[in-house]
Amino acid sequence: MKYLFDTHIIIWTLEDDKRLSQKVKDIIANNNDQIYYSVISPWETEIKHLKHKNFNLSGKQMTTMCDCNGMFCLPIEAEHVEELKNLNKPEDVAHNDPFDRMLLAQAKAEKMILITHDKKFKAYDEKCLMIV
């Protein structure tokens, strides 16, 4: 199975954070599963790093750590952008985070499972989504 980790799941994985669920730990431990990080995650991390002095992880550090931990980088492709229009979300639900929407579109286009802890994703009716 192929999994795409949301940015905070990547950070929790790299820091062995106690908020990381057993389900995610089992996925990481399974050698048959492939773990991906989107190029969006280091981008988002770098923005936070530059904006908040107490956010110590830079985008470059995240990329290096993900690569060293055997994660695969997923670039943004044209078909991912096209998939944005196919996301199943009710019109009356406000979820305006473009990073989140692109991660979900990437997972859907690539037939991956997006793993997140972000409850805002509950607004989406997508089979490619796992909220842990």
N, C-alpha and C. Protein backbone atom coordinates (compact mmCIF):
# COMPACT_ATOMS: atom_id res chain seq x y z
N MET A 1 0.84 -1.17 0.00
CA MET A 1 0.00 0.00 0.00
C MET A 1 0.90 1.24 0.00
N LYS A 2 0.41 2.29 -0.63
CA LYS A 2 1.14 3.56 -0.67
C LYS A 2 0.40 4.58 0.18
N TYR A 3 1.14 5.24 1.06
CA TYR A 3 0.59 6.23 1.97
C TYR A 3 1.27 7.57 1.76
N LEU A 4 0.48 8.63 1.80
CA LEU A 4 0.98 10.00 1.76
C LEU A 4 0.72 10.60 3.14
N PHE A 5 1.77 11.05 3.79
CA PHE A 5 1.64 11.60 5.14
C PHE A 5 1.41 13.10 5.08
N ASP A 6 0.43 13.57 5.86
CA ASP A 6 0.22 15.00 6.04
C ASP A 6 1.45 15.56 6.78
N THR A 7 1.66 16.85 6.67
CA THR A 7 2.87 17.48 7.22
C THR A 7 3.05 17.19 8.71
N HIS A 8 2.01 17.33 9.50
CA HIS A 8 2.17 17.10 10.94
C HIS A 8 2.45 15.63 11.24
N ILE A 9 1.94 14.71 10.44
CA ILE A 9 2.24 13.29 10.65
C ILE A 9 3.72 13.04 10.36
N ILE A 10 4.25 13.69 9.35
CA ILE A 10 5.69 13.58 9.06
C ILE A 10 6.50 14.07 10.25
N ILE A 11 6.15 15.24 10.74
CA ILE A 11 6.90 15.81 11.87
C ILE A 11 6.80 14.90 13.08
N TRP A 12 5.60 14.40 13.38
CA TRP A 12 5.44 13.49 14.52
C TRP A 12 6.26 12.22 14.32
N THR A 13 6.34 11.73 13.08
CA THR A 13 7.12 10.53 12.79
C THR A 13 8.60 10.80 13.01
N LEU A 14 9.09 11.91 12.48
CA LEU A 14 10.51 12.24 12.59
C LEU A 14 10.93 12.51 14.03
N GLU A 15 10.01 13.03 14.82
CA GLU A 15 10.31 13.35 16.22
C GLU A 15 9.88 12.25 17.19
N ASP A 16 9.33 11.15 16.66
CA ASP A 16 8.79 10.07 17.49
C ASP A 16 7.85 10.63 18.56
N ASP A 17 6.97 11.48 18.11
CA ASP A 17 6.03 12.18 18.98
C ASP A 17 4.98 11.21 19.54
N LYS A 18 4.60 11.40 20.79
CA LYS A 18 3.64 10.51 21.45
C LYS A 18 2.24 10.61 20.83
N ARG A 19 1.97 11.67 20.06
CA ARG A 19 0.66 11.80 19.40
C ARG A 19 0.52 10.89 18.19
N LEU A 20 1.61 10.28 17.75
CA LEU A 20 1.57 9.36 16.61
C LEU A 20 0.83 8.09 17.03
N SER A 21 -0.24 7.78 16.33
CA SER A 21 -1.07 6.63 16.71
C SER A 21 -0.37 5.30 16.43
N GLN A 22 -0.82 4.27 17.12
CA GLN A 22 -0.28 2.93 16.90
C GLN A 22 -0.54 2.47 15.46
N LYS A 23 -1.66 2.87 14.91
CA LYS A 23 -2.00 2.51 13.53
C LYS A 23 -0.94 3.05 12.56
N VAL A 24 -0.51 4.28 12.77
CA VAL A 24 0.52 4.86 11.90
C VAL A 24 1.87 4.18 12.15
N LYS A 25 2.17 3.90 13.40
CA LYS A 25 3.42 3.21 13.72
C LYS A 25 3.46 1.84 13.04
N ASP A 26 2.33 1.16 12.99
CA ASP A 26 2.26 -0.14 12.32
C ASP A 26 2.49 0.00 10.81
N ILE A 27 1.94 1.04 10.22
CA ILE A 27 2.16 1.29 8.79
C ILE A 27 3.63 1.55 8.52
N ILE A 28 4.25 2.35 9.36
CA ILE A 28 5.68 2.66 9.20
C ILE A 28 6.52 1.39 9.32
N ALA A 29 6.15 0.52 10.24
CA ALA A 29 6.92 -0.71 10.50
C ALA A 29 6.72 -1.76 9.41
N ASN A 30 5.66 -1.66 8.63
CA ASN A 30 5.36 -2.65 7.61
C ASN A 30 6.25 -2.40 6.38
N ASN A 31 7.15 -3.31 6.10
CA ASN A 31 8.09 -3.14 4.98
C ASN A 31 7.41 -3.22 3.62
N ASN A 32 6.18 -3.71 3.58
CA ASN A 32 5.45 -3.78 2.31
C ASN A 32 4.79 -2.45 1.94
N ASP A 33 4.68 -1.54 2.90
CA ASP A 33 4.06 -0.24 2.66
C ASP A 33 5.11 0.78 2.22
N GLN A 34 4.70 1.68 1.36
CA GLN A 34 5.57 2.77 0.92
C GLN A 34 5.03 4.07 1.49
N ILE A 35 5.92 4.82 2.13
CA ILE A 35 5.55 6.09 2.75
C ILE A 35 6.06 7.23 1.87
N TYR A 36 5.15 8.13 1.53
CA TYR A 36 5.49 9.29 0.70
C TYR A 36 5.28 10.58 1.48
N TYR A 37 6.07 11.57 1.13
CA TYR A 37 5.82 12.93 1.59
C TYR A 37 5.73 13.79 0.34
N SER A 38 4.81 14.71 0.35
CA SER A 38 4.66 15.61 -0.78
C SER A 38 5.67 16.74 -0.66
N VAL A 39 6.11 17.25 -1.79
CA VAL A 39 6.98 18.42 -1.80
C VAL A 39 6.29 19.60 -1.09
N ILE A 40 4.99 19.51 -0.95
CA ILE A 40 4.22 20.53 -0.22
C ILE A 40 4.66 20.61 1.24
N SER A 41 4.97 19.48 1.84
CA SER A 41 5.29 19.46 3.28
C SER A 41 6.55 20.24 3.62
N PRO A 42 7.67 20.05 2.93
CA PRO A 42 8.83 20.90 3.22
C PRO A 42 8.55 22.38 2.91
N TRP A 43 7.75 22.63 1.89
CA TRP A 43 7.37 24.00 1.55
C TRP A 43 6.59 24.63 2.71
N GLU A 44 5.58 23.93 3.19
CA GLU A 44 4.78 24.41 4.31
C GLU A 44 5.64 24.58 5.57
N THR A 45 6.53 23.62 5.79
CA THR A 45 7.41 23.66 6.96
C THR A 45 8.36 24.85 6.89
N GLU A 46 8.89 25.12 5.72
CA GLU A 46 9.80 26.27 5.56
C GLU A 46 9.08 27.58 5.85
N ILE A 47 7.85 27.70 5.40
CA ILE A 47 7.06 28.91 5.68
C ILE A 47 6.90 29.09 7.19
N LYS A 48 6.57 28.01 7.89
CA LYS A 48 6.42 28.08 9.35
C LYS A 48 7.75 28.39 10.02
N HIS A 49 8.82 27.81 9.51
CA HIS A 49 10.16 28.02 10.06
C HIS A 49 10.56 29.50 9.94
N LEU A 50 10.26 30.10 8.82
CA LEU A 50 10.62 31.51 8.60
C LEU A 50 9.72 32.45 9.39
N LYS A 51 8.49 32.05 9.60
CA LYS A 51 7.51 32.90 10.26
C LYS A 51 7.58 32.84 11.79
N HIS A 52 7.89 31.66 12.32
CA HIS A 52 7.88 31.45 13.77
C HIS A 52 9.29 31.08 14.25
N LYS A 53 9.88 31.93 15.05
CA LYS A 53 11.25 31.71 15.52
C LYS A 53 11.40 30.43 16.35
N ASN A 54 10.33 29.99 16.99
CA ASN A 54 10.42 28.78 17.81
C ASN A 54 10.13 27.50 17.03
N PHE A 55 9.87 27.62 15.73
CA PHE A 55 9.67 26.44 14.88
C PHE A 55 11.02 26.10 14.26
N ASN A 56 11.73 25.15 14.85
CA ASN A 56 13.13 24.90 14.53
C ASN A 56 13.38 24.09 13.27
N LEU A 57 12.40 23.34 12.79
CA LEU A 57 12.59 22.47 11.63
C LEU A 57 12.43 23.27 10.34
N SER A 58 13.46 23.26 9.51
CA SER A 58 13.38 23.93 8.21
C SER A 58 12.88 22.95 7.15
N GLY A 59 12.49 23.48 6.02
CA GLY A 59 12.07 22.64 4.92
C GLY A 59 13.18 21.72 4.44
N LYS A 60 14.38 22.23 4.37
CA LYS A 60 15.53 21.43 3.94
C LYS A 60 15.81 20.31 4.93
N GLN A 61 15.73 20.62 6.21
CA GLN A 61 15.93 19.58 7.23
C GLN A 61 14.87 18.49 7.11
N MET A 62 13.63 18.90 6.87
CA MET A 62 12.57 17.91 6.73
C MET A 62 12.85 17.00 5.54
N THR A 63 13.21 17.59 4.42
CA THR A 63 13.50 16.79 3.21
C THR A 63 14.62 15.80 3.48
N THR A 64 15.69 16.26 4.09
CA THR A 64 16.83 15.39 4.39
C THR A 64 16.42 14.26 5.32
N MET A 65 15.67 14.58 6.36
CA MET A 65 15.25 13.56 7.32
C MET A 65 14.28 12.56 6.70
N CYS A 66 13.37 13.04 5.87
CA CYS A 66 12.43 12.12 5.19
C CYS A 66 13.20 11.17 4.28
N ASP A 67 14.12 11.71 3.50
CA ASP A 67 14.90 10.88 2.59
C ASP A 67 15.74 9.85 3.36
N CYS A 68 16.34 10.28 4.46
CA CYS A 68 17.16 9.37 5.27
C CYS A 68 16.32 8.29 5.95
N ASN A 69 15.04 8.55 6.14
CA ASN A 69 14.14 7.58 6.77
C ASN A 69 13.39 6.73 5.75
N GLY A 70 13.81 6.80 4.49
CA GLY A 70 13.25 5.92 3.47
C GLY A 70 11.91 6.36 2.90
N MET A 71 11.52 7.60 3.13
CA MET A 71 10.28 8.12 2.54
C MET A 71 10.57 8.57 1.11
N PHE A 72 9.55 8.51 0.29
CA PHE A 72 9.66 8.91 -1.11
C PHE A 72 9.02 10.28 -1.30
N CYS A 73 9.67 11.13 -2.08
CA CYS A 73 9.15 12.47 -2.34
C CYS A 73 8.17 12.44 -3.52
N LEU A 74 7.01 13.05 -3.33
CA LEU A 74 6.01 13.16 -4.38
C LEU A 74 5.95 14.60 -4.88
N PRO A 75 6.37 14.84 -6.12
CA PRO A 75 6.29 16.20 -6.67
C PRO A 75 4.85 16.55 -7.02
N ILE A 76 4.59 17.81 -7.27
CA ILE A 76 3.28 18.25 -7.73
C ILE A 76 3.27 18.14 -9.26
N GLU A 77 2.31 17.40 -9.77
CA GLU A 77 2.16 17.20 -11.21
C GLU A 77 0.87 17.86 -11.68
N ALA A 78 0.77 18.08 -12.98
CA ALA A 78 -0.42 18.71 -13.56
C ALA A 78 -1.69 17.93 -13.23
N GLU A 79 -1.62 16.61 -13.23
CA GLU A 79 -2.82 15.83 -12.93
C GLU A 79 -3.28 16.00 -11.48
N HIS A 80 -2.36 16.35 -10.60
CA HIS A 80 -2.73 16.61 -9.21
C HIS A 80 -3.56 17.90 -9.13
N VAL A 81 -3.14 18.89 -9.88
CA VAL A 81 -3.87 20.16 -9.92
C VAL A 81 -5.26 19.93 -10.50
N GLU A 82 -5.34 19.14 -11.56
CA GLU A 82 -6.62 18.82 -12.18
C GLU A 82 -7.55 18.08 -11.23
N GLU A 83 -7.00 17.27 -10.36
CA GLU A 83 -7.80 16.46 -9.43
C GLU A 83 -8.50 17.32 -8.38
N LEU A 84 -8.01 18.53 -8.16
CA LEU A 84 -8.64 19.42 -7.17
C LEU A 84 -10.14 19.59 -7.43
N LYS A 85 -10.52 19.66 -8.70
CA LYS A 85 -11.93 19.88 -9.04
C LYS A 85 -12.80 18.65 -8.75
N ASN A 86 -12.18 17.50 -8.51
CA ASN A 86 -12.93 16.27 -8.28
C ASN A 86 -13.04 15.89 -6.81
N LEU A 87 -12.54 16.71 -5.92
CA LEU A 87 -12.64 16.40 -4.49
C LEU A 87 -14.08 16.50 -4.04
N ASN A 88 -14.50 15.52 -3.25
CA ASN A 88 -15.88 15.46 -2.75
C ASN A 88 -16.00 16.18 -1.42
N LYS A 89 -16.40 17.44 -1.49
CA LYS A 89 -16.57 18.25 -0.28
C LYS A 89 -17.85 19.06 -0.43
N PRO A 90 -18.69 19.05 0.59
CA PRO A 90 -19.89 19.89 0.53
C PRO A 90 -19.52 21.36 0.36
N GLU A 91 -20.28 22.06 -0.43
CA GLU A 91 -20.01 23.47 -0.72
C GLU A 91 -20.09 24.35 0.52
N ASP A 92 -20.90 23.96 1.49
CA ASP A 92 -21.12 24.82 2.66
C ASP A 92 -20.06 24.63 3.75
N VAL A 93 -19.06 23.80 3.50
CA VAL A 93 -18.00 23.56 4.49
C VAL A 93 -16.78 24.40 4.13
N ALA A 94 -16.34 25.19 5.08
CA ALA A 94 -15.16 26.03 4.84
C ALA A 94 -13.89 25.27 5.23
N HIS A 95 -13.09 25.00 4.25
CA HIS A 95 -11.77 24.41 4.48
C HIS A 95 -10.87 25.03 3.42
N ASN A 96 -10.24 26.13 3.79
CA ASN A 96 -9.55 26.95 2.82
C ASN A 96 -8.04 26.76 2.78
N ASP A 97 -7.55 25.70 3.37
CA ASP A 97 -6.11 25.47 3.39
C ASP A 97 -5.68 24.84 2.06
N PRO A 98 -4.99 25.60 1.21
CA PRO A 98 -4.61 25.06 -0.10
C PRO A 98 -3.62 23.90 -0.01
N PHE A 99 -2.79 23.87 1.03
CA PHE A 99 -1.86 22.76 1.21
C PHE A 99 -2.65 21.46 1.44
N ASP A 100 -3.64 21.53 2.32
CA ASP A 100 -4.45 20.34 2.62
C ASP A 100 -5.17 19.83 1.38
N ARG A 101 -5.79 20.74 0.65
CA ARG A 101 -6.54 20.32 -0.54
C ARG A 101 -5.62 19.69 -1.58
N MET A 102 -4.43 20.24 -1.75
CA MET A 102 -3.50 19.66 -2.73
C MET A 102 -3.01 18.30 -2.28
N LEU A 103 -2.73 18.13 -0.99
CA LEU A 103 -2.33 16.81 -0.49
C LEU A 103 -3.40 15.77 -0.78
N LEU A 104 -4.65 16.13 -0.54
CA LEU A 104 -5.76 15.21 -0.79
C LEU A 104 -5.89 14.91 -2.29
N ALA A 105 -5.74 15.94 -3.11
CA ALA A 105 -5.80 15.74 -4.56
C ALA A 105 -4.67 14.84 -5.04
N GLN A 106 -3.48 15.02 -4.49
CA GLN A 106 -2.35 14.16 -4.86
C GLN A 106 -2.64 12.71 -4.48
N ALA A 107 -3.11 12.51 -3.27
CA ALA A 107 -3.40 11.14 -2.82
C ALA A 107 -4.45 10.50 -3.72
N LYS A 108 -5.48 11.24 -4.04
CA LYS A 108 -6.55 10.70 -4.87
C LYS A 108 -6.03 10.37 -6.27
N ALA A 109 -5.27 11.27 -6.87
CA ALA A 109 -4.74 11.05 -8.22
C ALA A 109 -3.77 9.89 -8.27
N GLU A 110 -2.99 9.71 -7.21
CA GLU A 110 -1.95 8.67 -7.18
C GLU A 110 -2.44 7.36 -6.57
N LYS A 111 -3.72 7.31 -6.19
CA LYS A 111 -4.29 6.11 -5.55
C LYS A 111 -3.51 5.73 -4.29
N MET A 112 -3.24 6.76 -3.48
CA MET A 112 -2.59 6.60 -2.19
C MET A 112 -3.62 6.88 -1.10
N ILE A 113 -3.24 6.59 0.12
CA ILE A 113 -4.05 6.93 1.28
C ILE A 113 -3.37 8.10 1.99
N LEU A 114 -4.08 9.21 2.11
CA LEU A 114 -3.55 10.36 2.86
C LEU A 114 -3.83 10.13 4.34
N ILE A 115 -2.79 10.16 5.14
CA ILE A 115 -2.92 9.98 6.58
C ILE A 115 -2.76 11.34 7.25
N THR A 116 -3.76 11.69 8.04
CA THR A 116 -3.77 12.96 8.74
C THR A 116 -4.43 12.80 10.11
N HIS A 117 -4.20 13.76 10.95
CA HIS A 117 -4.88 13.84 12.24
C HIS A 117 -5.83 15.04 12.25
N ASP A 118 -5.83 15.79 11.18
CA ASP A 118 -6.60 17.03 11.05
C ASP A 118 -8.08 16.72 10.84
N LYS A 119 -8.89 17.07 11.83
CA LYS A 119 -10.33 16.78 11.80
C LYS A 119 -11.06 17.58 10.72
N LYS A 120 -10.46 18.64 10.20
CA LYS A 120 -11.10 19.41 9.13
C LYS A 120 -11.32 18.56 7.88
N PHE A 121 -10.54 17.52 7.74
CA PHE A 121 -10.68 16.64 6.58
C PHE A 121 -11.98 15.82 6.62
N LYS A 122 -12.64 15.78 7.78
CA LYS A 122 -13.89 15.03 7.87
C LYS A 122 -14.95 15.56 6.91
N ALA A 123 -14.78 16.78 6.44
CA ALA A 123 -15.73 17.37 5.49
C ALA A 123 -15.67 16.69 4.12
N TYR A 124 -14.59 15.99 3.85
CA TYR A 124 -14.40 15.35 2.55
C TYR A 124 -14.89 13.92 2.58
N ASP A 125 -15.57 13.53 1.55
CA ASP A 125 -16.02 12.14 1.40
C ASP A 125 -15.11 11.48 0.37
N GLU A 126 -13.94 11.10 0.83
CA GLU A 126 -12.93 10.52 -0.07
C GLU A 126 -12.44 9.19 0.50
N LYS A 127 -12.38 8.19 -0.34
CA LYS A 127 -11.88 6.88 0.08
C LYS A 127 -10.38 6.89 0.33
N CYS A 128 -9.69 7.87 -0.20
CA CYS A 128 -8.23 7.93 -0.07
C CYS A 128 -7.79 8.64 1.20
N LEU A 129 -8.67 8.81 2.16
CA LEU A 129 -8.40 9.59 3.35
C LEU A 129 -8.49 8.72 4.60
N MET A 130 -7.46 8.82 5.47
CA MET A 130 -7.48 8.13 6.74
C MET A 130 -7.16 9.15 7.82
N ILE A 131 -8.13 9.42 8.68
CA ILE A 131 -7.94 10.35 9.79
C ILE A 131 -7.63 9.52 11.03
N VAL A 132 -6.44 9.72 11.59
CA VAL A 132 -5.99 8.90 12.73
C VAL A 132 -5.89 9.73 13.99
